Amino acid sequence: MNNQRINIDKHRWMAVRDGIFIYVKTYRRWSMDIVIAPVERVSVLRRSALPVIRSIPFVSYAALFGAPVFAICALVMLGTHRDAPLYALGMAVVWALVVTTVFAVAMLLFGRIKGRRETLLYVSGNVYSPMIRFKHVEGSNPTLEAFLDALPAGSAAPPGNVPLSEWFRLPSRARSVLVSLYWPMWAYILWPLQPIEGEISSMFAWAMVALLLGGYLVFLGLLLWFYFRNPKATKEARAALLDGDYDAAATILRGVIEKTPDQPCANYLLLAESLVRGDLEQAATCAEAVEKSRIRQYVAPPVFGITVHSPVAEKLRDLERYRKKKAPVLLAPASLTPNAYS
């Protein structure tokens, strides 16, 4: 049985189990991303090479630099051009793009000056196609070299009957709440500067403020309720998942689901545990429970990049059917430890 895993660093690892590639990245104890795909959908674009301009993960840099830079530029521009908010926001976007590009290029040049070597993997997916980047010097890790040797190289497209990759995200609770706290500030900034005259107009304006504020408080209340209403067991299971203790998380979650089969958060977390274990049938069962629940209605819109996201059950079953058709292919030598998690 093909079952090998490579630890990239303290927070990331990748594995191949029965021809299925699994990539897991945790952000300390904040959030978790899982990518699962047929091996044919994974390719080595660059291997132990100096970083180049075309490999800049601009979305990552935009999240790192662009968001705070845009917020600062928007505050400054709206403060000086409150009579033209659209113009101010447009200028804030332009300046944010310029500064983000400068920071990205500066980091790239710094990496090249230091002689940093990195390997870049590409995974074609249904939701998005991630670039997996990590520091790597050729010959420094024979086990990793054997792992990369077995992956397809270049950007050649696999056959059309190969399923695309699936993506799971366990978002950060604190980030979801903190982003929502920005909304009143933006509403205040965009509110018309000119005073509203007339008793009826003033009453209408206050009614709109009360309606918007009420809707915001209801949304924030649902968001907090979603995060804090779950049983203590699911919180412990989430912490175990982010710590990499998958056995403990599975034991806790199965106990919760035995008592409450439709508990959405428990099924959502067990879906993550099933994916890292490579049990696609169990993952599809959990995904069905998640799809029937209202778990996605209590988090911020996906435009903020923090929404709950999980693969669709049918697509997971497509992956499982494809895996059963393929004979197990040994990806790396037997020196790798054939353990479910390490």
C-alpha atoms as a PDB file:
ATOM      1  CA  MET A   1       0.000   0.000   0.000  1.00  0.00           C
ATOM      2  CA  ASN A   2       1.432   3.335  -1.076  1.00  0.00           C
ATOM      3  CA  ASN A   3       1.579   5.494   2.027  1.00  0.00           C
ATOM      4  CA  GLN A   4       4.422   8.010   2.228  1.00  0.00           C
ATOM      5  CA  ARG A   5       4.669  11.420   3.792  1.00  0.00           C
ATOM      6  CA  ILE A   6       7.247  14.207   3.571  1.00  0.00           C
ATOM      7  CA  ASN A   7       7.438  16.975   6.185  1.00  0.00           C
ATOM      8  CA  ILE A   8       8.231  20.235   4.393  1.00  0.00           C
ATOM      9  CA  ASP A   9       8.565  22.265   7.598  1.00  0.00           C
ATOM     10  CA  LYS A  10       6.965  22.501  11.021  1.00  0.00           C
ATOM     11  CA  HIS A  11       3.586  23.591   9.627  1.00  0.00           C
ATOM     12  CA  ARG A  12       3.425  21.847   6.217  1.00  0.00           C
ATOM     13  CA  TRP A  13       3.610  18.327   4.879  1.00  0.00           C
ATOM     14  CA  MET A  14       2.676  16.436   1.730  1.00  0.00           C
ATOM     15  CA  ALA A  15       2.019  12.780   1.066  1.00  0.00           C
ATOM     16  CA  VAL A  16       0.902  10.320  -1.576  1.00  0.00           C
ATOM     17  CA  ARG A  17      -1.491   7.558  -0.583  1.00  0.00           C
ATOM     18  CA  ASP A  18      -2.665   5.089  -3.221  1.00  0.00           C
ATOM     19  CA  GLY A  19      -2.008   7.536  -6.053  1.00  0.00           C
ATOM     20  CA  ILE A  20      -3.679  10.482  -4.247  1.00  0.00           C
ATOM     21  CA  PHE A  21      -1.574  13.537  -3.423  1.00  0.00           C
ATOM     22  CA  ILE A  22      -2.316  15.293  -0.114  1.00  0.00           C
ATOM     23  CA  TYR A  23      -0.934  18.674   0.945  1.00  0.00           C
ATOM     24  CA  VAL A  24      -1.626  20.108   4.412  1.00  0.00           C
ATOM     25  CA  LYS A  25      -0.695  23.556   5.685  1.00  0.00           C
ATOM     26  CA  THR A  26      -1.562  24.860   9.136  1.00  0.00           C
ATOM     27  CA  TYR A  27      -1.169  28.444  10.291  1.00  0.00           C
ATOM     28  CA  ARG A  28      -0.066  27.714  13.836  1.00  0.00           C
ATOM     29  CA  ARG A  29      -3.340  27.279  15.760  1.00  0.00           C
ATOM     30  CA  TRP A  30      -5.326  29.634  13.550  1.00  0.00           C
ATOM     31  CA  SER A  31      -6.416  27.912  10.366  1.00  0.00           C
ATOM     32  CA  MET A  32      -5.789  24.954   8.090  1.00  0.00           C
ATOM     33  CA  ASP A  33      -5.706  24.297   4.326  1.00  0.00           C
ATOM     34  CA  ILE A  34      -5.848  20.865   2.714  1.00  0.00           C
ATOM     35  CA  VAL A  35      -5.392  20.118  -0.992  1.00  0.00           C
ATOM     36  CA  ILE A  36      -6.142  16.616  -2.256  1.00  0.00           C
ATOM     37  CA  ALA A  37      -5.612  15.557  -5.881  1.00  0.00           C
ATOM     38  CA  PRO A  38      -4.627  12.671  -8.153  1.00  0.00           C
ATOM     39  CA  VAL A  39      -0.848  12.512  -8.567  1.00  0.00           C
ATOM     40  CA  GLU A  40      -1.321  13.219 -12.283  1.00  0.00           C
ATOM     41  CA  ARG A  41      -2.679  16.667 -11.374  1.00  0.00           C
ATOM     42  CA  VAL A  42       0.516  17.628  -9.537  1.00  0.00           C
ATOM     43  CA  SER A  43       3.572  18.811 -11.438  1.00  0.00           C
ATOM     44  CA  VAL A  44       7.008  20.119 -10.495  1.00  0.00           C
ATOM     45  CA  LEU A  45       7.355  23.482 -12.234  1.00  0.00           C
ATOM     46  CA  ARG A  46      10.691  24.511 -10.709  1.00  0.00           C
ATOM     47  CA  ARG A  47      13.084  22.449  -8.637  1.00  0.00           C
ATOM     48  CA  SER A  48      15.759  23.847  -6.341  1.00  0.00           C
ATOM     49  CA  ALA A  49      15.938  27.015  -8.447  1.00  0.00           C
ATOM     50  CA  LEU A  50      16.420  30.703  -7.755  1.00  0.00           C
ATOM     51  CA  PRO A  51      13.067  32.536  -7.473  1.00  0.00           C
ATOM     52  CA  VAL A  52      11.915  34.276 -10.638  1.00  0.00           C
ATOM     53  CA  ILE A  53       9.465  37.078 -11.338  1.00  0.00           C
ATOM     54  CA  ARG A  54       6.867  34.853 -12.968  1.00  0.00           C
ATOM     55  CA  SER A  55       6.688  32.609  -9.903  1.00  0.00           C
ATOM     56  CA  ILE A  56       5.697  35.406  -7.501  1.00  0.00           C
ATOM     57  CA  PRO A  57       2.517  34.297  -5.699  1.00  0.00           C
ATOM     58  CA  PHE A  58       0.931  37.715  -6.095  1.00  0.00           C
ATOM     59  CA  VAL A  59      -2.239  36.725  -4.261  1.00  0.00           C
ATOM     60  CA  SER A  60      -0.181  35.826  -1.185  1.00  0.00           C
ATOM     61  CA  TYR A  61       1.687  39.107  -1.307  1.00  0.00           C
ATOM     62  CA  ALA A  62      -1.569  40.966  -1.843  1.00  0.00           C
ATOM     63  CA  ALA A  63      -2.938  39.401   1.333  1.00  0.00           C
ATOM     64  CA  LEU A  64       0.299  40.165   3.203  1.00  0.00           C
ATOM     65  CA  PHE A  65       0.943  43.715   1.960  1.00  0.00           C
ATOM     66  CA  GLY A  66      -1.979  44.784  -0.204  1.00  0.00           C
ATOM     67  CA  ALA A  67      -4.775  44.562   2.369  1.00  0.00           C
ATOM     68  CA  PRO A  68      -3.171  46.743   5.079  1.00  0.00           C
ATOM     69  CA  VAL A  69      -1.686  49.123   2.484  1.00  0.00           C
ATOM     70  CA  PHE A  70      -5.107  49.530   0.843  1.00  0.00           C
ATOM     71  CA  ALA A  71      -6.722  50.189   4.228  1.00  0.00           C
ATOM     72  CA  ILE A  72      -4.176  52.920   5.031  1.00  0.00           C
ATOM     73  CA  CYS A  73      -4.417  54.462   1.541  1.00  0.00           C
ATOM     74  CA  ALA A  74      -8.214  54.401   1.675  1.00  0.00           C
ATOM     75  CA  LEU A  75      -8.269  56.175   5.031  1.00  0.00           C
ATOM     76  CA  VAL A  76      -5.856  58.845   3.792  1.00  0.00           C
ATOM     77  CA  MET A  77      -7.556  59.361   0.414  1.00  0.00           C
ATOM     78  CA  LEU A  78     -11.082  59.391   1.838  1.00  0.00           C
ATOM     79  CA  GLY A  79      -9.954  61.881   4.462  1.00  0.00           C
ATOM     80  CA  THR A  80      -8.696  64.283   1.774  1.00  0.00           C
ATOM     81  CA  HIS A  81     -11.356  63.583  -0.897  1.00  0.00           C
ATOM     82  CA  ARG A  82     -14.547  62.908   1.053  1.00  0.00           C
ATOM     83  CA  ASP A  83     -16.529  64.739  -1.597  1.00  0.00           C
ATOM     84  CA  ALA A  84     -15.454  62.128  -4.185  1.00  0.00           C
ATOM     85  CA  PRO A  85     -15.386  58.733  -2.418  1.00  0.00           C
ATOM     86  CA  LEU A  86     -15.228  56.674  -5.624  1.00  0.00           C
ATOM     87  CA  TYR A  87     -12.202  58.627  -6.855  1.00  0.00           C
ATOM     88  CA  ALA A  88     -10.557  58.217  -3.448  1.00  0.00           C
ATOM     89  CA  LEU A  89     -11.130  54.460  -3.402  1.00  0.00           C
ATOM     90  CA  GLY A  90      -9.847  54.169  -6.976  1.00  0.00           C
ATOM     91  CA  MET A  91      -6.641  55.998  -6.065  1.00  0.00           C
ATOM     92  CA  ALA A  92      -6.281  53.797  -2.968  1.00  0.00           C
ATOM     93  CA  VAL A  93      -6.480  50.696  -5.177  1.00  0.00           C
ATOM     94  CA  VAL A  94      -3.829  52.090  -7.551  1.00  0.00           C
ATOM     95  CA  TRP A  95      -1.426  52.947  -4.730  1.00  0.00           C
ATOM     96  CA  ALA A  96      -2.030  49.606  -3.026  1.00  0.00           C
ATOM     97  CA  LEU A  97      -1.157  47.745  -6.245  1.00  0.00           C
ATOM     98  CA  VAL A  98       2.006  49.819  -6.736  1.00  0.00           C
ATOM     99  CA  VAL A  99       3.226  49.341  -3.163  1.00  0.00           C
ATOM    100  CA  THR A 100       2.354  45.615  -3.177  1.00  0.00           C
ATOM    101  CA  THR A 101       4.308  45.128  -6.416  1.00  0.00           C
ATOM    102  CA  VAL A 102       7.307  46.987  -4.997  1.00  0.00           C
ATOM    103  CA  PHE A 103       7.273  44.843  -1.835  1.00  0.00           C
ATOM    104  CA  ALA A 104       6.897  41.620  -3.846  1.00  0.00           C
ATOM    105  CA  VAL A 105       9.801  42.464  -6.155  1.00  0.00           C
ATOM    106  CA  ALA A 106      11.934  43.554  -3.189  1.00  0.00           C
ATOM    107  CA  MET A 107      11.330  40.209  -1.449  1.00  0.00           C
ATOM    108  CA  LEU A 108      12.134  38.391  -4.687  1.00  0.00           C
ATOM    109  CA  LEU A 109      15.417  40.257  -5.132  1.00  0.00           C
ATOM    110  CA  PHE A 110      16.310  39.692  -1.492  1.00  0.00           C
ATOM    111  CA  GLY A 111      15.811  35.943  -1.983  1.00  0.00           C
ATOM    112  CA  ARG A 112      17.991  35.916  -5.088  1.00  0.00           C
ATOM    113  CA  ILE A 113      20.758  37.928  -3.377  1.00  0.00           C
ATOM    114  CA  LYS A 114      20.775  35.460  -0.481  1.00  0.00           C
ATOM    115  CA  GLY A 115      20.862  32.580  -2.961  1.00  0.00           C
ATOM    116  CA  ARG A 116      17.636  31.071  -1.711  1.00  0.00           C
ATOM    117  CA  ARG A 117      16.641  27.941  -3.616  1.00  0.00           C
ATOM    118  CA  GLU A 118      13.037  26.871  -3.852  1.00  0.00           C
ATOM    119  CA  THR A 119      10.874  24.215  -5.424  1.00  0.00           C
ATOM    120  CA  LEU A 120       7.503  25.056  -6.936  1.00  0.00           C
ATOM    121  CA  LEU A 121       4.663  22.552  -7.364  1.00  0.00           C
ATOM    122  CA  TYR A 122       1.455  23.231  -9.292  1.00  0.00           C
ATOM    123  CA  VAL A 123      -1.867  21.528  -8.552  1.00  0.00           C
ATOM    124  CA  SER A 124      -4.774  22.011 -10.967  1.00  0.00           C
ATOM    125  CA  GLY A 125      -8.035  22.182  -9.074  1.00  0.00           C
ATOM    126  CA  ASN A 126     -11.789  22.784  -9.188  1.00  0.00           C
ATOM    127  CA  VAL A 127     -11.832  25.818  -6.911  1.00  0.00           C
ATOM    128  CA  TYR A 128      -8.339  27.190  -7.388  1.00  0.00           C
ATOM    129  CA  SER A 129      -4.961  25.921  -8.548  1.00  0.00           C
ATOM    130  CA  PRO A 130      -2.445  26.429  -5.744  1.00  0.00           C
ATOM    131  CA  MET A 131       1.278  26.919  -6.110  1.00  0.00           C
ATOM    132  CA  ILE A 132       3.119  24.986  -3.402  1.00  0.00           C
ATOM    133  CA  ARG A 133       6.446  26.715  -2.737  1.00  0.00           C
ATOM    134  CA  PHE A 134       9.094  25.675  -0.243  1.00  0.00           C
ATOM    135  CA  LYS A 135      12.813  26.133   0.363  1.00  0.00           C
ATOM    136  CA  HIS A 136      14.789  23.284  -1.138  1.00  0.00           C
ATOM    137  CA  VAL A 137      18.452  22.755  -2.012  1.00  0.00           C
ATOM    138  CA  GLU A 138      19.075  19.877  -4.413  1.00  0.00           C
ATOM    139  CA  GLY A 139      20.644  16.884  -2.662  1.00  0.00           C
ATOM    140  CA  SER A 140      19.888  18.066   0.868  1.00  0.00           C
ATOM    141  CA  ASN A 141      17.161  15.485   1.473  1.00  0.00           C
ATOM    142  CA  PRO A 142      17.336  12.158  -0.426  1.00  0.00           C
ATOM    143  CA  THR A 143      13.826  11.190   0.641  1.00  0.00           C
ATOM    144  CA  LEU A 144      12.403  14.434  -0.719  1.00  0.00           C
ATOM    145  CA  GLU A 145      14.412  14.005  -3.933  1.00  0.00           C
ATOM    146  CA  ALA A 146      12.874  10.562  -4.483  1.00  0.00           C
ATOM    147  CA  PHE A 147       9.421  11.997  -3.782  1.00  0.00           C
ATOM    148  CA  LEU A 148       9.886  14.775  -6.359  1.00  0.00           C
ATOM    149  CA  ASP A 149      11.407  12.381  -8.921  1.00  0.00           C
ATOM    150  CA  ALA A 150       8.129  10.427  -9.024  1.00  0.00           C
ATOM    151  CA  LEU A 151       5.956  13.499  -9.632  1.00  0.00           C
ATOM    152  CA  PRO A 152       5.270  14.707 -13.205  1.00  0.00           C
ATOM    153  CA  ALA A 153       7.557  17.537 -14.337  1.00  0.00           C
ATOM    154  CA  GLY A 154       6.667  20.613 -16.349  1.00  0.00           C
ATOM    155  CA  SER A 155       3.230  21.971 -17.179  1.00  0.00           C
ATOM    156  CA  ALA A 156       1.897  19.251 -19.493  1.00  0.00           C
ATOM    157  CA  ALA A 157      -1.848  18.726 -19.056  1.00  0.00           C
ATOM    158  CA  PRO A 158      -2.938  15.274 -17.797  1.00  0.00           C
ATOM    159  CA  PRO A 159      -5.707  13.298 -19.557  1.00  0.00           C
ATOM    160  CA  GLY A 160      -9.147  14.858 -19.356  1.00  0.00           C
ATOM    161  CA  ASN A 161     -10.614  11.938 -17.408  1.00  0.00           C
ATOM    162  CA  VAL A 162      -8.380  12.663 -14.396  1.00  0.00           C
ATOM    163  CA  PRO A 163     -10.419  14.442 -11.680  1.00  0.00           C
ATOM    164  CA  LEU A 164      -9.326  17.889 -10.553  1.00  0.00           C
ATOM    165  CA  SER A 165      -7.998  18.578  -7.080  1.00  0.00           C
ATOM    166  CA  GLU A 166     -10.252  19.539  -4.159  1.00  0.00           C
ATOM    167  CA  TRP A 167      -9.598  22.137  -1.501  1.00  0.00           C
ATOM    168  CA  PHE A 168     -10.614  22.305   2.161  1.00  0.00           C
ATOM    169  CA  ARG A 169     -10.240  25.354   4.394  1.00  0.00           C
ATOM    170  CA  LEU A 170     -10.689  25.596   8.132  1.00  0.00           C
ATOM    171  CA  PRO A 171     -10.789  29.377   8.655  1.00  0.00           C
ATOM    172  CA  SER A 172      -9.453  31.364  11.553  1.00  0.00           C
ATOM    173  CA  ARG A 173     -12.212  32.287  13.987  1.00  0.00           C
ATOM    174  CA  ALA A 174     -10.439  35.386  15.244  1.00  0.00           C
ATOM    175  CA  ARG A 175      -9.794  36.646  11.710  1.00  0.00           C
ATOM    176  CA  SER A 176     -13.444  36.216  10.768  1.00  0.00           C
ATOM    177  CA  VAL A 177     -14.568  38.309  13.727  1.00  0.00           C
ATOM    178  CA  LEU A 178     -11.841  40.951  13.351  1.00  0.00           C
ATOM    179  CA  VAL A 179     -12.653  41.528   9.676  1.00  0.00           C
ATOM    180  CA  SER A 180     -16.305  42.058  10.577  1.00  0.00           C
ATOM    181  CA  LEU A 181     -15.333  44.731  13.117  1.00  0.00           C
ATOM    182  CA  TYR A 182     -13.980  46.886  10.268  1.00  0.00           C
ATOM    183  CA  TRP A 183     -17.388  47.267   8.638  1.00  0.00           C
ATOM    184  CA  PRO A 184     -18.736  50.142  10.833  1.00  0.00           C
ATOM    185  CA  MET A 185     -15.539  52.116  10.169  1.00  0.00           C
ATOM    186  CA  TRP A 186     -15.960  51.773   6.398  1.00  0.00           C
ATOM    187  CA  ALA A 187     -19.659  52.691   6.666  1.00  0.00           C
ATOM    188  CA  TYR A 188     -18.757  55.843   8.588  1.00  0.00           C
ATOM    189  CA  ILE A 189     -16.075  56.825   6.067  1.00  0.00           C
ATOM    190  CA  LEU A 190     -18.425  56.364   3.100  1.00  0.00           C
ATOM    191  CA  TRP A 191     -21.341  58.185   4.759  1.00  0.00           C
ATOM    192  CA  PRO A 192     -22.148  61.487   2.982  1.00  0.00           C
ATOM    193  CA  LEU A 193     -20.324  64.475   4.463  1.00  0.00           C
ATOM    194  CA  GLN A 194     -23.131  66.966   3.793  1.00  0.00           C
ATOM    195  CA  PRO A 195     -25.736  67.240   6.591  1.00  0.00           C
ATOM    196  CA  ILE A 196     -29.174  65.906   5.726  1.00  0.00           C
ATOM    197  CA  GLU A 197     -31.766  68.703   5.915  1.00  0.00           C
ATOM    198  CA  GLY A 198     -35.456  68.421   6.606  1.00  0.00           C
ATOM    199  CA  GLU A 199     -37.273  66.543   9.364  1.00  0.00           C
ATOM    200  CA  ILE A 200     -38.502  63.729   7.098  1.00  0.00           C
ATOM    201  CA  SER A 201     -35.103  63.294   5.439  1.00  0.00           C
ATOM    202  CA  SER A 202     -33.421  63.252   8.833  1.00  0.00           C
ATOM    203  CA  MET A 203     -35.848  60.634  10.150  1.00  0.00           C
ATOM    204  CA  PHE A 204     -35.283  58.527   7.045  1.00  0.00           C
ATOM    205  CA  ALA A 205     -31.508  58.796   7.473  1.00  0.00           C
ATOM    206  CA  TRP A 206     -31.694  57.714  11.121  1.00  0.00           C
ATOM    207  CA  ALA A 207     -33.996  54.848  10.182  1.00  0.00           C
ATOM    208  CA  MET A 208     -31.449  53.677   7.616  1.00  0.00           C
ATOM    209  CA  VAL A 209     -28.665  53.919  10.201  1.00  0.00           C
ATOM    210  CA  ALA A 210     -30.728  51.885  12.675  1.00  0.00           C
ATOM    211  CA  LEU A 211     -31.555  49.284  10.023  1.00  0.00           C
ATOM    212  CA  LEU A 212     -27.930  48.902   8.929  1.00  0.00           C
ATOM    213  CA  LEU A 213     -26.658  48.815  12.498  1.00  0.00           C
ATOM    214  CA  GLY A 214     -29.301  46.257  13.476  1.00  0.00           C
ATOM    215  CA  GLY A 215     -28.428  44.046  10.520  1.00  0.00           C
ATOM    216  CA  TYR A 216     -24.728  44.301  11.350  1.00  0.00           C
ATOM    217  CA  LEU A 217     -25.289  43.389  15.011  1.00  0.00           C
ATOM    218  CA  VAL A 218     -27.438  40.415  13.991  1.00  0.00           C
ATOM    219  CA  PHE A 219     -24.751  39.193  11.608  1.00  0.00           C
ATOM    220  CA  LEU A 220     -22.004  39.657  14.217  1.00  0.00           C
ATOM    221  CA  GLY A 221     -24.153  37.887  16.806  1.00  0.00           C
ATOM    222  CA  LEU A 222     -24.708  34.907  14.479  1.00  0.00           C
ATOM    223  CA  LEU A 223     -20.991  34.798  13.731  1.00  0.00           C
ATOM    224  CA  LEU A 224     -20.070  34.723  17.422  1.00  0.00           C
ATOM    225  CA  TRP A 225     -22.861  32.268  18.187  1.00  0.00           C
ATOM    226  CA  PHE A 226     -21.604  29.933  15.481  1.00  0.00           C
ATOM    227  CA  TYR A 227     -18.101  29.914  16.934  1.00  0.00           C
ATOM    228  CA  PHE A 228     -19.027  29.626  20.593  1.00  0.00           C
ATOM    229  CA  ARG A 229     -22.170  27.477  20.496  1.00  0.00           C
ATOM    230  CA  ASN A 230     -20.319  24.331  19.502  1.00  0.00           C
ATOM    231  CA  PRO A 231     -19.650  21.775  22.234  1.00  0.00           C
ATOM    232  CA  LYS A 232     -16.344  21.813  24.067  1.00  0.00           C
ATOM    233  CA  ALA A 233     -15.399  18.532  22.397  1.00  0.00           C
ATOM    234  CA  THR A 234     -15.334  20.109  18.914  1.00  0.00           C
ATOM    235  CA  LYS A 235     -13.097  22.914  20.187  1.00  0.00           C
ATOM    236  CA  GLU A 236     -10.689  20.327  21.584  1.00  0.00           C
ATOM    237  CA  ALA A 237     -10.821  18.407  18.291  1.00  0.00           C
ATOM    238  CA  ARG A 238     -10.084  21.577  16.319  1.00  0.00           C
ATOM    239  CA  ALA A 239      -7.046  22.280  18.521  1.00  0.00           C
ATOM    240  CA  ALA A 240      -5.852  18.683  18.053  1.00  0.00           C
ATOM    241  CA  LEU A 241      -6.203  18.981  14.271  1.00  0.00           C
ATOM    242  CA  LEU A 242      -4.155  22.165  14.151  1.00  0.00           C
ATOM    243  CA  ASP A 243      -1.539  20.585  16.409  1.00  0.00           C
ATOM    244  CA  GLY A 244      -1.268  17.577  14.074  1.00  0.00           C
ATOM    245  CA  ASP A 245      -2.710  15.096  16.574  1.00  0.00           C
ATOM    246  CA  TYR A 246      -5.127  13.543  14.078  1.00  0.00           C
ATOM    247  CA  ASP A 247      -5.787  10.359  16.070  1.00  0.00           C
ATOM    248  CA  ALA A 248      -6.990  12.333  19.087  1.00  0.00           C
ATOM    249  CA  ALA A 249      -9.148  14.559  16.880  1.00  0.00           C
ATOM    250  CA  ALA A 250     -10.757  11.544  15.210  1.00  0.00           C
ATOM    251  CA  THR A 251     -11.521   9.879  18.552  1.00  0.00           C
ATOM    252  CA  ILE A 252     -13.187  13.028  19.912  1.00  0.00           C
ATOM    253  CA  LEU A 253     -15.186  13.754  16.753  1.00  0.00           C
ATOM    254  CA  ARG A 254     -16.486  10.218  16.334  1.00  0.00           C
ATOM    255  CA  GLY A 255     -17.738  10.371  19.917  1.00  0.00           C
ATOM    256  CA  VAL A 256     -19.603  13.620  19.175  1.00  0.00           C
ATOM    257  CA  ILE A 257     -21.113  12.276  15.939  1.00  0.00           C
ATOM    258  CA  GLU A 258     -22.294   9.079  17.630  1.00  0.00           C
ATOM    259  CA  LYS A 259     -24.391  11.233  19.968  1.00  0.00           C
ATOM    260  CA  THR A 260     -25.366  13.877  17.391  1.00  0.00           C
ATOM    261  CA  PRO A 261     -24.940  12.539  13.829  1.00  0.00           C
ATOM    262  CA  ASP A 262     -25.899  15.854  12.178  1.00  0.00           C
ATOM    263  CA  GLN A 263     -23.652  18.114  14.292  1.00  0.00           C
ATOM    264  CA  PRO A 264     -22.285  20.385  11.509  1.00  0.00           C
ATOM    265  CA  CYS A 265     -19.015  21.468  13.101  1.00  0.00           C
ATOM    266  CA  ALA A 266     -18.087  17.911  14.125  1.00  0.00           C
ATOM    267  CA  ASN A 267     -18.762  16.639  10.598  1.00  0.00           C
ATOM    268  CA  TYR A 268     -16.792  19.534   9.137  1.00  0.00           C
ATOM    269  CA  LEU A 269     -13.769  18.782  11.333  1.00  0.00           C
ATOM    270  CA  LEU A 270     -14.041  15.018  10.752  1.00  0.00           C
ATOM    271  CA  LEU A 271     -14.043  15.802   7.023  1.00  0.00           C
ATOM    272  CA  ALA A 272     -10.634  17.440   7.488  1.00  0.00           C
ATOM    273  CA  GLU A 273      -9.342  14.471   9.499  1.00  0.00           C
ATOM    274  CA  SER A 274     -10.593  12.047   6.837  1.00  0.00           C
ATOM    275  CA  LEU A 275      -8.841  14.010   4.088  1.00  0.00           C
ATOM    276  CA  VAL A 276      -5.458  14.020   5.811  1.00  0.00           C
ATOM    277  CA  ARG A 277      -5.882  10.275   6.392  1.00  0.00           C
ATOM    278  CA  GLY A 278      -6.839   9.718   2.741  1.00  0.00           C
ATOM    279  CA  ASP A 279     -10.235   8.172   3.584  1.00  0.00           C
ATOM    280  CA  LEU A 280     -12.252   9.738   0.763  1.00  0.00           C
ATOM    281  CA  GLU A 281     -15.403   7.687   1.382  1.00  0.00           C
ATOM    282  CA  GLN A 282     -15.614   8.873   4.989  1.00  0.00           C
ATOM    283  CA  ALA A 283     -14.818  12.402   3.824  1.00  0.00           C
ATOM    284  CA  ALA A 284     -17.699  12.267   1.311  1.00  0.00           C
ATOM    285  CA  THR A 285     -20.105  11.119   4.049  1.00  0.00           C
ATOM    286  CA  CYS A 286     -19.044  14.042   6.242  1.00  0.00           C
ATOM    287  CA  ALA A 287     -19.281  16.429   3.280  1.00  0.00           C
ATOM    288  CA  GLU A 288     -22.920  15.394   2.754  1.00  0.00           C
ATOM    289  CA  ALA A 289     -23.711  16.288   6.370  1.00  0.00           C
ATOM    290  CA  VAL A 290     -21.931  19.627   5.950  1.00  0.00           C
ATOM    291  CA  GLU A 291     -23.857  20.398   2.739  1.00  0.00           C
ATOM    292  CA  LYS A 292     -27.186  19.765   4.498  1.00  0.00           C
ATOM    293  CA  SER A 293     -26.267  21.997   7.444  1.00  0.00           C
ATOM    294  CA  ARG A 294     -26.204  25.787   7.761  1.00  0.00           C
ATOM    295  CA  ILE A 295     -22.545  25.979   8.710  1.00  0.00           C
ATOM    296  CA  ARG A 296     -21.665  28.312   5.819  1.00  0.00           C
ATOM    297  CA  GLN A 297     -24.361  30.836   6.758  1.00  0.00           C
ATOM    298  CA  TYR A 298     -22.584  31.950   9.931  1.00  0.00           C
ATOM    299  CA  VAL A 299     -19.280  33.113   8.474  1.00  0.00           C
ATOM    300  CA  ALA A 300     -18.167  36.146   6.509  1.00  0.00           C
ATOM    301  CA  PRO A 301     -18.644  36.287   2.705  1.00  0.00           C
ATOM    302  CA  PRO A 302     -15.926  34.607   0.611  1.00  0.00           C
ATOM    303  CA  VAL A 303     -14.681  37.980  -0.683  1.00  0.00           C
ATOM    304  CA  PHE A 304     -12.622  38.225   2.527  1.00  0.00           C
ATOM    305  CA  GLY A 305     -10.953  34.870   1.922  1.00  0.00           C
ATOM    306  CA  ILE A 306     -11.929  33.509   5.340  1.00  0.00           C
ATOM    307  CA  THR A 307     -15.078  31.605   4.555  1.00  0.00           C
ATOM    308  CA  VAL A 308     -15.697  27.991   5.442  1.00  0.00           C
ATOM    309  CA  HIS A 309     -14.961  25.878   2.384  1.00  0.00           C
ATOM    310  CA  SER A 310     -15.196  22.130   1.938  1.00  0.00           C
ATOM    311  CA  PRO A 311     -15.206  19.797  -1.076  1.00  0.00           C
ATOM    312  CA  VAL A 312     -18.487  18.568  -2.520  1.00  0.00           C
ATOM    313  CA  ALA A 313     -19.358  14.972  -1.635  1.00  0.00           C
ATOM    314  CA  GLU A 314     -19.875  13.886  -5.246  1.00  0.00           C
ATOM    315  CA  LYS A 315     -16.462  15.189  -6.315  1.00  0.00           C
ATOM    316  CA  LEU A 316     -14.823  13.336  -3.454  1.00  0.00           C
ATOM    317  CA  ARG A 317     -16.548  10.154  -4.596  1.00  0.00           C
ATOM    318  CA  ASP A 318     -15.262  10.805  -8.119  1.00  0.00           C
ATOM    319  CA  LEU A 319     -11.760  10.920  -6.678  1.00  0.00           C
ATOM    320  CA  GLU A 320     -12.372   7.684  -4.783  1.00  0.00           C
ATOM    321  CA  ARG A 321     -13.680   5.931  -7.898  1.00  0.00           C
ATOM    322  CA  TYR A 322     -10.667   7.119  -9.861  1.00  0.00           C
ATOM    323  CA  ARG A 323      -8.297   5.887  -7.164  1.00  0.00           C
ATOM    324  CA  LYS A 324      -9.899   2.427  -7.174  1.00  0.00           C
ATOM    325  CA  LYS A 325      -9.393   2.187 -10.939  1.00  0.00           C
ATOM    326  CA  LYS A 326      -5.719   2.990 -10.643  1.00  0.00           C
ATOM    327  CA  ALA A 327      -3.306   0.367  -9.394  1.00  0.00           C
ATOM    328  CA  PRO A 328      -1.259   1.581  -6.409  1.00  0.00           C
ATOM    329  CA  VAL A 329       1.912   3.240  -7.640  1.00  0.00           C
ATOM    330  CA  LEU A 330       4.840   3.371  -5.248  1.00  0.00           C
ATOM    331  CA  LEU A 331       6.005   6.977  -5.200  1.00  0.00           C
ATOM    332  CA  ALA A 332       9.156   6.693  -3.115  1.00  0.00           C
ATOM    333  CA  PRO A 333      11.500   4.019  -1.852  1.00  0.00           C
ATOM    334  CA  ALA A 334      10.563   1.759   1.014  1.00  0.00           C
ATOM    335  CA  SER A 335      12.889   3.721   3.302  1.00  0.00           C
ATOM    336  CA  LEU A 336       9.996   6.111   3.904  1.00  0.00           C
ATOM    337  CA  THR A 337       8.009   5.308   6.991  1.00  0.00           C
ATOM    338  CA  PRO A 338       4.646   3.737   5.985  1.00  0.00           C
ATOM    339  CA  ASN A 339       2.625   5.306   8.770  1.00  0.00           C
ATOM    340  CA  ALA A 340      -0.779   6.903   8.462  1.00  0.00           C
ATOM    341  CA  TYR A 341       0.395  10.270   9.733  1.00  0.00           C
ATOM    342  CA  SER A 342       4.181  10.378   9.798  1.00  0.00           C
END
